[in-house]
Amino acid sequence: MDELQNLESLGLVLPGPGYIAGAILFGIIGYVAYRRGRKTSQPVITWTGVALMLYPYAVPQTWLLWLIGVGLCGWLYAKWD
């Protein structure tokens, strides 16, 4: 437990279950979108899928992860044929 306290004192904290669930969910949706975009040669869908797979690595807050994820999924839904 001392290692965990040392990491917390450095400002590093483990993500909560909501963050992990969102990262997995949006990663799966991004992978499906990426594959669909490559198969149909639609770069908008392809790059939206890449964004959905990669943005959780850059977002530290859970509420922001879900907000951006829902926004990207809405954009994907609008562009999906």
PDB file of N, CA and C in Angstrom:
ATOM      1  N   MET A   1       0.809  -1.201   0.000  1.00  0.00           N
ATOM      2  CA  MET A   1       0.000   0.000   0.000  1.00  0.00           C
ATOM      3  C   MET A   1       0.848   1.259   0.000  1.00  0.00           C
ATOM      4  N   ASP A   2       2.085   1.141   0.425  1.00  0.00           N
ATOM      5  CA  ASP A   2       2.945   2.319   0.429  1.00  0.00           C
ATOM      6  C   ASP A   2       3.220   2.814  -0.983  1.00  0.00           C
ATOM      7  N   GLU A   3       3.294   1.886  -1.956  1.00  0.00           N
ATOM      8  CA  GLU A   3       3.532   2.284  -3.331  1.00  0.00           C
ATOM      9  C   GLU A   3       2.373   3.109  -3.867  1.00  0.00           C
ATOM     10  N   LEU A   4       1.159   2.700  -3.531  1.00  0.00           N
ATOM     11  CA  LEU A   4      -0.020   3.431  -3.972  1.00  0.00           C
ATOM     12  C   LEU A   4      -0.055   4.825  -3.366  1.00  0.00           C
ATOM     13  N   GLN A   5       0.289   4.945  -2.114  1.00  0.00           N
ATOM     14  CA  GLN A   5       0.332   6.256  -1.469  1.00  0.00           C
ATOM     15  C   GLN A   5       1.435   7.122  -2.067  1.00  0.00           C
ATOM     16  N   ASN A   6       2.558   6.519  -2.406  1.00  0.00           N
ATOM     17  CA  ASN A   6       3.632   7.275  -3.046  1.00  0.00           C
ATOM     18  C   ASN A   6       3.206   7.806  -4.407  1.00  0.00           C
ATOM     19  N   LEU A   7       2.497   6.978  -5.178  1.00  0.00           N
ATOM     20  CA  LEU A   7       2.012   7.425  -6.475  1.00  0.00           C
ATOM     21  C   LEU A   7       0.973   8.527  -6.331  1.00  0.00           C
ATOM     22  N   GLU A   8       0.094   8.406  -5.335  1.00  0.00           N
ATOM     23  CA  GLU A   8      -0.912   9.440  -5.105  1.00  0.00           C
ATOM     24  C   GLU A   8      -0.262  10.754  -4.683  1.00  0.00           C
ATOM     25  N   SER A   9       0.817  10.684  -3.948  1.00  0.00           N
ATOM     26  CA  SER A   9       1.507  11.911  -3.550  1.00  0.00           C
ATOM     27  C   SER A   9       2.159  12.596  -4.750  1.00  0.00           C
ATOM     28  N   LEU A  10       2.446  11.829  -5.802  1.00  0.00           N
ATOM     29  CA  LEU A  10       2.988  12.403  -7.033  1.00  0.00           C
ATOM     30  C   LEU A  10       1.897  12.919  -7.964  1.00  0.00           C
ATOM     31  N   GLY A  11       0.635  12.703  -7.600  1.00  0.00           N
ATOM     32  CA  GLY A  11      -0.478  13.169  -8.418  1.00  0.00           C
ATOM     33  C   GLY A  11      -1.039  12.116  -9.346  1.00  0.00           C
ATOM     34  N   LEU A  12      -0.599  10.884  -9.230  1.00  0.00           N
ATOM     35  CA  LEU A  12      -1.096   9.799 -10.067  1.00  0.00           C
ATOM     36  C   LEU A  12      -2.142   9.005  -9.296  1.00  0.00           C
ATOM     37  N   VAL A  13      -3.330   8.903  -9.861  1.00  0.00           N
ATOM     38  CA  VAL A  13      -4.397   8.129  -9.225  1.00  0.00           C
ATOM     39  C   VAL A  13      -4.949   7.133 -10.238  1.00  0.00           C
ATOM     40  N   LEU A  14      -5.434   6.024  -9.754  1.00  0.00           N
ATOM     41  CA  LEU A  14      -6.017   5.011 -10.620  1.00  0.00           C
ATOM     42  C   LEU A  14      -7.388   5.467 -11.097  1.00  0.00           C
ATOM     43  N   PRO A  15      -7.751   5.151 -12.333  1.00  0.00           N
ATOM     44  CA  PRO A  15      -9.075   5.532 -12.824  1.00  0.00           C
ATOM     45  C   PRO A  15     -10.169   4.710 -12.159  1.00  0.00           C
ATOM     46  N   GLY A  16     -11.341   5.306 -12.071  1.00  0.00           N
ATOM     47  CA  GLY A  16     -12.479   4.626 -11.475  1.00  0.00           C
ATOM     48  C   GLY A  16     -13.161   3.694 -12.469  1.00  0.00           C
ATOM     49  N   PRO A  17     -14.138   2.927 -11.996  1.00  0.00           N
ATOM     50  CA  PRO A  17     -14.830   1.983 -12.876  1.00  0.00           C
ATOM     51  C   PRO A  17     -15.592   2.663 -14.010  1.00  0.00           C
ATOM     52  N   GLY A  18     -16.126   3.850 -13.775  1.00  0.00           N
ATOM     53  CA  GLY A  18     -16.838   4.571 -14.835  1.00  0.00           C
ATOM     54  C   GLY A  18     -15.919   4.970 -15.970  1.00  0.00           C
ATOM     55  N   TYR A  19     -14.715   5.373 -15.625  1.00  0.00           N
ATOM     56  CA  TYR A  19     -13.728   5.748 -16.634  1.00  0.00           C
ATOM     57  C   TYR A  19     -13.294   4.526 -17.446  1.00  0.00           C
ATOM     58  N   ILE A  20     -13.029   3.426 -16.766  1.00  0.00           N
ATOM     59  CA  ILE A  20     -12.597   2.202 -17.453  1.00  0.00           C
ATOM     60  C   ILE A  20     -13.704   1.687 -18.365  1.00  0.00           C
ATOM     61  N   ALA A  21     -14.946   1.703 -17.890  1.00  0.00           N
ATOM     62  CA  ALA A  21     -16.071   1.248 -18.707  1.00  0.00           C
ATOM     63  C   ALA A  21     -16.228   2.127 -19.945  1.00  0.00           C
ATOM     64  N   GLY A  22     -16.106   3.431 -19.772  1.00  0.00           N
ATOM     65  CA  GLY A  22     -16.217   4.343 -20.915  1.00  0.00           C
ATOM     66  C   GLY A  22     -15.102   4.150 -21.914  1.00  0.00           C
ATOM     67  N   ALA A  23     -13.883   3.981 -21.431  1.00  0.00           N
ATOM     68  CA  ALA A  23     -12.749   3.778 -22.327  1.00  0.00           C
ATOM     69  C   ALA A  23     -12.912   2.494 -23.140  1.00  0.00           C
ATOM     70  N   ILE A  24     -13.386   1.430 -22.505  1.00  0.00           N
ATOM     71  CA  ILE A  24     -13.601   0.168 -23.222  1.00  0.00           C
ATOM     72  C   ILE A  24     -14.742   0.303 -24.228  1.00  0.00           C
ATOM     73  N   LEU A  25     -15.855   0.908 -23.796  1.00  0.00           N
ATOM     74  CA  LEU A  25     -17.018   1.068 -24.667  1.00  0.00           C
ATOM     75  C   LEU A  25     -16.671   1.893 -25.899  1.00  0.00           C
ATOM     76  N   PHE A  26     -16.065   3.059 -25.703  1.00  0.00           N
ATOM     77  CA  PHE A  26     -15.756   3.918 -26.835  1.00  0.00           C
ATOM     78  C   PHE A  26     -14.632   3.340 -27.690  1.00  0.00           C
ATOM     79  N   GLY A  27     -13.754   2.558 -27.099  1.00  0.00           N
ATOM     80  CA  GLY A  27     -12.733   1.875 -27.871  1.00  0.00           C
ATOM     81  C   GLY A  27     -13.329   0.837 -28.808  1.00  0.00           C
ATOM     82  N   ILE A  28     -14.305   0.091 -28.317  1.00  0.00           N
ATOM     83  CA  ILE A  28     -14.969  -0.917 -29.153  1.00  0.00           C
ATOM     84  C   ILE A  28     -15.756  -0.243 -30.277  1.00  0.00           C
ATOM     85  N   ILE A  29     -16.490   0.814 -29.947  1.00  0.00           N
ATOM     86  CA  ILE A  29     -17.241   1.540 -30.973  1.00  0.00           C
ATOM     87  C   ILE A  29     -16.279   2.131 -31.999  1.00  0.00           C
ATOM     88  N   GLY A  30     -15.149   2.651 -31.537  1.00  0.00           N
ATOM     89  CA  GLY A  30     -14.158   3.209 -32.447  1.00  0.00           C
ATOM     90  C   GLY A  30     -13.573   2.157 -33.364  1.00  0.00           C
ATOM     91  N   TYR A  31     -13.320   0.972 -32.836  1.00  0.00           N
ATOM     92  CA  TYR A  31     -12.784  -0.113 -33.660  1.00  0.00           C
ATOM     93  C   TYR A  31     -13.777  -0.518 -34.742  1.00  0.00           C
ATOM     94  N   VAL A  32     -15.053  -0.632 -34.379  1.00  0.00           N
ATOM     95  CA  VAL A  32     -16.091  -0.981 -35.356  1.00  0.00           C
ATOM     96  C   VAL A  32     -16.187   0.110 -36.427  1.00  0.00           C
ATOM     97  N   ALA A  33     -16.146   1.363 -36.015  1.00  0.00           N
ATOM     98  CA  ALA A  33     -16.217   2.462 -36.974  1.00  0.00           C
ATOM     99  C   ALA A  33     -14.995   2.472 -37.885  1.00  0.00           C
ATOM    100  N   TYR A  34     -13.839   2.224 -37.329  1.00  0.00           N
ATOM    101  CA  TYR A  34     -12.612   2.180 -38.132  1.00  0.00           C
ATOM    102  C   TYR A  34     -12.701   1.094 -39.199  1.00  0.00           C
ATOM    103  N   ARG A  35     -13.128  -0.084 -38.789  1.00  0.00           N
ATOM    104  CA  ARG A  35     -13.243  -1.186 -39.755  1.00  0.00           C
ATOM    105  C   ARG A  35     -14.279  -0.876 -40.836  1.00  0.00           C
ATOM    106  N   ARG A  36     -15.405  -0.298 -40.424  1.00  0.00           N
ATOM    107  CA  ARG A  36     -16.455   0.050 -41.388  1.00  0.00           C
ATOM    108  C   ARG A  36     -15.968   1.129 -42.352  1.00  0.00           C
ATOM    109  N   GLY A  37     -15.268   2.125 -41.838  1.00  0.00           N
ATOM    110  CA  GLY A  37     -14.753   3.190 -42.683  1.00  0.00           C
ATOM    111  C   GLY A  37     -13.728   2.696 -43.681  1.00  0.00           C
ATOM    112  N   ARG A  38     -12.864   1.781 -43.261  1.00  0.00           N
ATOM    113  CA  ARG A  38     -11.868   1.220 -44.179  1.00  0.00           C
ATOM    114  C   ARG A  38     -12.534   0.347 -45.242  1.00  0.00           C
ATOM    115  N   LYS A  39     -13.554  -0.408 -44.843  1.00  0.00           N
ATOM    116  CA  LYS A  39     -14.226  -1.318 -45.768  1.00  0.00           C
ATOM    117  C   LYS A  39     -15.004  -0.550 -46.838  1.00  0.00           C
ATOM    118  N   THR A  40     -15.626   0.566 -46.449  1.00  0.00           N
ATOM    119  CA  THR A  40     -16.443   1.337 -47.376  1.00  0.00           C
ATOM    120  C   THR A  40     -15.704   2.538 -47.957  1.00  0.00           C
ATOM    121  N   SER A  41     -14.435   2.703 -47.628  1.00  0.00           N
ATOM    122  CA  SER A  41     -13.604   3.822 -48.118  1.00  0.00           C
ATOM    123  C   SER A  41     -14.212   5.182 -47.769  1.00  0.00           C
ATOM    124  N   GLN A  42     -14.624   5.323 -46.519  1.00  0.00           N
ATOM    125  CA  GLN A  42     -15.166   6.590 -46.030  1.00  0.00           C
ATOM    126  C   GLN A  42     -14.219   7.137 -44.971  1.00  0.00           C
ATOM    127  N   PRO A  43     -13.375   8.119 -45.345  1.00  0.00           N
ATOM    128  CA  PRO A  43     -12.365   8.601 -44.403  1.00  0.00           C
ATOM    129  C   PRO A  43     -12.941   9.282 -43.156  1.00  0.00           C
ATOM    130  N   VAL A  44     -14.118   9.883 -43.248  1.00  0.00           N
ATOM    131  CA  VAL A  44     -14.709  10.532 -42.071  1.00  0.00           C
ATOM    132  C   VAL A  44     -15.000   9.494 -40.990  1.00  0.00           C
ATOM    133  N   ILE A  45     -15.559   8.371 -41.388  1.00  0.00           N
ATOM    134  CA  ILE A  45     -15.870   7.315 -40.427  1.00  0.00           C
ATOM    135  C   ILE A  45     -14.585   6.676 -39.909  1.00  0.00           C
ATOM    136  N   THR A  46     -13.625   6.484 -40.796  1.00  0.00           N
ATOM    137  CA  THR A  46     -12.351   5.895 -40.391  1.00  0.00           C
ATOM    138  C   THR A  46     -11.661   6.742 -39.331  1.00  0.00           C
ATOM    139  N   TRP A  47     -11.533   8.035 -39.580  1.00  0.00           N
ATOM    140  CA  TRP A  47     -10.815   8.911 -38.645  1.00  0.00           C
ATOM    141  C   TRP A  47     -11.608   9.175 -37.373  1.00  0.00           C
ATOM    142  N   THR A  48     -12.930   9.133 -37.451  1.00  0.00           N
ATOM    143  CA  THR A  48     -13.725   9.235 -36.226  1.00  0.00           C
ATOM    144  C   THR A  48     -13.506   7.993 -35.362  1.00  0.00           C
ATOM    145  N   GLY A  49     -13.400   6.841 -35.996  1.00  0.00           N
ATOM    146  CA  GLY A  49     -13.094   5.614 -35.266  1.00  0.00           C
ATOM    147  C   GLY A  49     -11.737   5.674 -34.595  1.00  0.00           C
ATOM    148  N   VAL A  50     -10.741   6.208 -35.294  1.00  0.00           N
ATOM    149  CA  VAL A  50      -9.414   6.368 -34.704  1.00  0.00           C
ATOM    150  C   VAL A  50      -9.481   7.312 -33.512  1.00  0.00           C
ATOM    151  N   ALA A  51     -10.223   8.408 -33.657  1.00  0.00           N
ATOM    152  CA  ALA A  51     -10.358   9.365 -32.550  1.00  0.00           C
ATOM    153  C   ALA A  51     -11.027   8.714 -31.346  1.00  0.00           C
ATOM    154  N   LEU A  52     -12.067   7.905 -31.587  1.00  0.00           N
ATOM    155  CA  LEU A  52     -12.748   7.229 -30.482  1.00  0.00           C
ATOM    156  C   LEU A  52     -11.832   6.235 -29.771  1.00  0.00           C
ATOM    157  N   MET A  53     -10.936   5.615 -30.511  1.00  0.00           N
ATOM    158  CA  MET A  53     -10.031   4.649 -29.883  1.00  0.00           C
ATOM    159  C   MET A  53      -8.918   5.324 -29.091  1.00  0.00           C
ATOM    160  N   LEU A  54      -8.482   6.509 -29.523  1.00  0.00           N
ATOM    161  CA  LEU A  54      -7.290   7.105 -28.928  1.00  0.00           C
ATOM    162  C   LEU A  54      -7.530   8.221 -27.913  1.00  0.00           C
ATOM    163  N   TYR A  55      -8.665   8.918 -27.979  1.00  0.00           N
ATOM    164  CA  TYR A  55      -8.837  10.074 -27.100  1.00  0.00           C
ATOM    165  C   TYR A  55      -8.861   9.743 -25.604  1.00  0.00           C
ATOM    166  N   PRO A  56      -9.279   8.533 -25.169  1.00  0.00           N
ATOM    167  CA  PRO A  56      -9.253   8.278 -23.719  1.00  0.00           C
ATOM    168  C   PRO A  56      -7.857   8.390 -23.097  1.00  0.00           C
ATOM    169  N   TYR A  57      -6.817   8.251 -23.901  1.00  0.00           N
ATOM    170  CA  TYR A  57      -5.459   8.371 -23.368  1.00  0.00           C
ATOM    171  C   TYR A  57      -5.098   9.817 -23.026  1.00  0.00           C
ATOM    172  N   ALA A  58      -5.840  10.776 -23.580  1.00  0.00           N
ATOM    173  CA  ALA A  58      -5.524  12.188 -23.378  1.00  0.00           C
ATOM    174  C   ALA A  58      -6.488  12.897 -22.434  1.00  0.00           C
ATOM    175  N   VAL A  59      -7.546  12.222 -22.000  1.00  0.00           N
ATOM    176  CA  VAL A  59      -8.577  12.860 -21.178  1.00  0.00           C
ATOM    177  C   VAL A  59      -8.496  12.315 -19.755  1.00  0.00           C
ATOM    178  N   PRO A  60      -8.229  13.185 -18.772  1.00  0.00           N
ATOM    179  CA  PRO A  60      -8.063  12.686 -17.403  1.00  0.00           C
ATOM    180  C   PRO A  60      -9.359  12.557 -16.587  1.00  0.00           C
ATOM    181  N   GLN A  61     -10.392  13.324 -16.900  1.00  0.00           N
ATOM    182  CA  GLN A  61     -11.620  13.309 -16.087  1.00  0.00           C
ATOM    183  C   GLN A  61     -12.669  12.381 -16.699  1.00  0.00           C
ATOM    184  N   THR A  62     -13.404  11.697 -15.838  1.00  0.00           N
ATOM    185  CA  THR A  62     -14.430  10.760 -16.288  1.00  0.00           C
ATOM    186  C   THR A  62     -15.560  11.475 -17.014  1.00  0.00           C
ATOM    187  N   TRP A  63     -16.034  12.589 -16.457  1.00  0.00           N
ATOM    188  CA  TRP A  63     -17.157  13.294 -17.086  1.00  0.00           C
ATOM    189  C   TRP A  63     -16.764  13.809 -18.472  1.00  0.00           C
ATOM    190  N   LEU A  64     -15.528  14.221 -18.643  1.00  0.00           N
ATOM    191  CA  LEU A  64     -15.066  14.708 -19.937  1.00  0.00           C
ATOM    192  C   LEU A  64     -14.920  13.552 -20.927  1.00  0.00           C
ATOM    193  N   LEU A  65     -14.493  12.401 -20.449  1.00  0.00           N
ATOM    194  CA  LEU A  65     -14.402  11.210 -21.297  1.00  0.00           C
ATOM    195  C   LEU A  65     -15.764  10.875 -21.870  1.00  0.00           C
ATOM    196  N   TRP A  66     -16.783  10.861 -21.023  1.00  0.00           N
ATOM    197  CA  TRP A  66     -18.127  10.524 -21.479  1.00  0.00           C
ATOM    198  C   TRP A  66     -18.705  11.608 -22.386  1.00  0.00           C
ATOM    199  N   LEU A  67     -18.451  12.869 -22.082  1.00  0.00           N
ATOM    200  CA  LEU A  67     -18.964  13.967 -22.900  1.00  0.00           C
ATOM    201  C   LEU A  67     -18.385  13.918 -24.314  1.00  0.00           C
ATOM    202  N   ILE A  68     -17.083  13.776 -24.420  1.00  0.00           N
ATOM    203  CA  ILE A  68     -16.436  13.705 -25.733  1.00  0.00           C
ATOM    204  C   ILE A  68     -16.857  12.429 -26.462  1.00  0.00           C
ATOM    205  N   GLY A  69     -16.933  11.318 -25.755  1.00  0.00           N
ATOM    206  CA  GLY A  69     -17.339  10.053 -26.370  1.00  0.00           C
ATOM    207  C   GLY A  69     -18.739  10.096 -26.945  1.00  0.00           C
ATOM    208  N   VAL A  70     -19.662  10.662 -26.199  1.00  0.00           N
ATOM    209  CA  VAL A  70     -21.048  10.773 -26.695  1.00  0.00           C
ATOM    210  C   VAL A  70     -21.090  11.719 -27.895  1.00  0.00           C
ATOM    211  N   GLY A  71     -20.322  12.803 -27.839  1.00  0.00           N
ATOM    212  CA  GLY A  71     -20.261  13.731 -28.966  1.00  0.00           C
ATOM    213  C   GLY A  71     -19.705  13.079 -30.221  1.00  0.00           C
ATOM    214  N   LEU A  72     -18.619  12.337 -30.074  1.00  0.00           N
ATOM    215  CA  LEU A  72     -18.044  11.645 -31.235  1.00  0.00           C
ATOM    216  C   LEU A  72     -18.975  10.557 -31.766  1.00  0.00           C
ATOM    217  N   CYS A  73     -19.678   9.883 -30.872  1.00  0.00           N
ATOM    218  CA  CYS A  73     -20.639   8.867 -31.314  1.00  0.00           C
ATOM    219  C   CYS A  73     -21.814   9.506 -32.050  1.00  0.00           C
ATOM    220  N   GLY A  74     -22.240  10.682 -31.598  1.00  0.00           N
ATOM    221  CA  GLY A  74     -23.294  11.413 -32.306  1.00  0.00           C
ATOM    222  C   GLY A  74     -22.842  11.826 -33.698  1.00  0.00           C
ATOM    223  N   TRP A  75     -21.610  12.324 -33.788  1.00  0.00           N
ATOM    224  CA  TRP A  75     -21.036  12.686 -35.088  1.00  0.00           C
ATOM    225  C   TRP A  75     -20.959  11.447 -35.993  1.00  0.00           C
ATOM    226  N   LEU A  76     -20.550  10.329 -35.430  1.00  0.00           N
ATOM    227  CA  LEU A  76     -20.445   9.080 -36.189  1.00  0.00           C
ATOM    228  C   LEU A  76     -21.815   8.623 -36.667  1.00  0.00           C
ATOM    229  N   TYR A  77     -22.810   8.739 -35.823  1.00  0.00           N
ATOM    230  CA  TYR A  77     -24.167   8.345 -36.179  1.00  0.00           C
ATOM    231  C   TYR A  77     -24.708   9.199 -37.338  1.00  0.00           C
ATOM    232  N   ALA A  78     -24.361  10.488 -37.319  1.00  0.00           N
ATOM    233  CA  ALA A  78     -24.826  11.387 -38.377  1.00  0.00           C
ATOM    234  C   ALA A  78     -24.162  11.072 -39.710  1.00  0.00           C
ATOM    235  N   LYS A  79     -22.924  10.585 -39.679  1.00  0.00           N
ATOM    236  CA  LYS A  79     -22.182  10.308 -40.907  1.00  0.00           C
ATOM    237  C   LYS A  79     -22.324   8.874 -41.396  1.00  0.00           C
ATOM    238  N   TRP A  80     -22.872   7.993 -40.562  1.00  0.00           N
ATOM    239  CA  TRP A  80     -23.008   6.585 -40.915  1.00  0.00           C
ATOM    240  C   TRP A  80     -24.082   6.443 -41.999  1.00  0.00           C
ATOM    241  N   ASP A  81     -23.803   5.634 -43.007  1.00  0.00           N
ATOM    242  CA  ASP A  81     -24.784   5.441 -44.111  1.00  0.00           C
ATOM    243  C   ASP A  81     -25.867   4.502 -43.732  1.00  0.00           C
TER     244      ASP A  81
END
